[in-house]
């Protein structure tokens, strides 16, 4: 399923999209993929996508590191 972001492959695509989106705007974000356990409701394992953003906004800009 192409839009399934709970699989490892989907989570990796989402990670790349988030990082690229903010890099295009001069921001740097850290996105981590955390392997979750099996969920009976999903009938599969899941991969969580976590970042260092607060309320969906990066906490640091690339300019701060130059």
C-alpha atoms as a PDB file:
ATOM      1  CA  UNK A   1       0.000   0.000   0.000  1.00  0.00           C
ATOM      2  CA  UNK A   2       1.621   3.241  -1.159  1.00  0.00           C
ATOM      3  CA  UNK A   3       0.081   5.549   1.475  1.00  0.00           C
ATOM      4  CA  UNK A   4       0.771   3.216   4.410  1.00  0.00           C
ATOM      5  CA  UNK A   5       3.260   5.068   6.588  1.00  0.00           C
ATOM      6  CA  UNK A   6       3.164   2.482   9.387  1.00  0.00           C
ATOM      7  CA  UNK A   7       5.318  -0.014   7.497  1.00  0.00           C
ATOM      8  CA  UNK A   8       9.102   0.340   7.589  1.00  0.00           C
ATOM      9  CA  UNK A   9       9.194   1.315   3.905  1.00  0.00           C
ATOM     10  CA  UNK A  10       6.397   3.846   4.304  1.00  0.00           C
ATOM     11  CA  UNK A  11       7.984   5.337   7.410  1.00  0.00           C
ATOM     12  CA  UNK A  12      11.290   5.721   5.547  1.00  0.00           C
ATOM     13  CA  UNK A  13       9.493   7.548   2.704  1.00  0.00           C
ATOM     14  CA  UNK A  14       7.771   9.833   5.202  1.00  0.00           C
ATOM     15  CA  UNK A  15      11.093  10.533   6.983  1.00  0.00           C
ATOM     16  CA  UNK A  16      12.693  11.532   3.676  1.00  0.00           C
ATOM     17  CA  UNK A  17       9.727  13.758   2.765  1.00  0.00           C
ATOM     18  CA  UNK A  18       9.792  15.569   6.114  1.00  0.00           C
ATOM     19  CA  UNK A  19      13.553  16.141   6.021  1.00  0.00           C
ATOM     20  CA  UNK A  20      13.470  17.318   2.390  1.00  0.00           C
ATOM     21  CA  UNK A  21      10.518  19.653   3.027  1.00  0.00           C
ATOM     22  CA  UNK A  22      12.297  21.458   5.856  1.00  0.00           C
ATOM     23  CA  UNK A  23      15.710  21.414   4.146  1.00  0.00           C
ATOM     24  CA  UNK A  24      14.153  23.262   1.184  1.00  0.00           C
ATOM     25  CA  UNK A  25      13.118  25.952   3.680  1.00  0.00           C
ATOM     26  CA  UNK A  26      16.555  26.265   5.263  1.00  0.00           C
ATOM     27  CA  UNK A  27      15.681  24.284   8.369  1.00  0.00           C
ATOM     28  CA  UNK A  28      17.199  21.104   9.740  1.00  0.00           C
ATOM     29  CA  UNK A  29      15.169  18.473  11.530  1.00  0.00           C
ATOM     30  CA  UNK A  30      16.079  15.125  13.002  1.00  0.00           C
ATOM     31  CA  UNK A  31      13.643  12.339  12.195  1.00  0.00           C
ATOM     32  CA  UNK A  32      14.037   8.927  13.829  1.00  0.00           C
ATOM     33  CA  UNK A  33      12.290   5.676  13.000  1.00  0.00           C
ATOM     34  CA  UNK A  34      11.365   3.536  16.000  1.00  0.00           C
ATOM     35  CA  UNK A  35      10.361  -0.060  15.428  1.00  0.00           C
ATOM     36  CA  UNK A  36       7.158  -0.700  17.358  1.00  0.00           C
ATOM     37  CA  UNK A  37       5.721  -3.985  18.441  1.00  0.00           C
ATOM     38  CA  UNK A  38       2.907  -6.028  16.989  1.00  0.00           C
ATOM     39  CA  UNK A  39      -0.536  -4.450  17.269  1.00  0.00           C
ATOM     40  CA  UNK A  40      -3.544  -6.742  17.161  1.00  0.00           C
ATOM     41  CA  UNK A  41      -5.738  -3.909  15.846  1.00  0.00           C
ATOM     42  CA  UNK A  42      -3.439  -3.451  12.834  1.00  0.00           C
ATOM     43  CA  UNK A  43      -2.612  -7.160  12.603  1.00  0.00           C
ATOM     44  CA  UNK A  44       1.018  -6.209  11.996  1.00  0.00           C
ATOM     45  CA  UNK A  45       4.026  -4.492  13.509  1.00  0.00           C
ATOM     46  CA  UNK A  46       4.425  -0.754  13.098  1.00  0.00           C
ATOM     47  CA  UNK A  47       7.210   1.780  12.707  1.00  0.00           C
ATOM     48  CA  UNK A  48       6.863   5.079  14.552  1.00  0.00           C
ATOM     49  CA  UNK A  49       8.170   8.327  13.055  1.00  0.00           C
ATOM     50  CA  UNK A  50       9.516  10.757  15.655  1.00  0.00           C
ATOM     51  CA  UNK A  51      11.281  14.067  15.260  1.00  0.00           C
ATOM     52  CA  UNK A  52      12.849  16.857  17.274  1.00  0.00           C
ATOM     53  CA  UNK A  53      10.188  19.310  16.090  1.00  0.00           C
ATOM     54  CA  UNK A  54       7.844  20.990  18.540  1.00  0.00           C
ATOM     55  CA  UNK A  55       4.238  21.348  17.389  1.00  0.00           C
ATOM     56  CA  UNK A  56       5.377  20.454  13.862  1.00  0.00           C
ATOM     57  CA  UNK A  57       7.962  23.269  13.718  1.00  0.00           C
ATOM     58  CA  UNK A  58      11.755  22.785  13.676  1.00  0.00           C
ATOM     59  CA  UNK A  59      13.590  23.860  16.796  1.00  0.00           C
ATOM     60  CA  UNK A  60      16.839  24.904  15.060  1.00  0.00           C
ATOM     61  CA  UNK A  61      17.743  26.470  11.737  1.00  0.00           C
ATOM     62  CA  UNK A  62      20.689  25.704   9.475  1.00  0.00           C
ATOM     63  CA  UNK A  63      21.821  29.346   9.759  1.00  0.00           C
ATOM     64  CA  UNK A  64      22.507  28.806  13.473  1.00  0.00           C
ATOM     65  CA  UNK A  65      25.231  26.311  12.561  1.00  0.00           C
ATOM     66  CA  UNK A  66      26.987  28.359   9.855  1.00  0.00           C
END
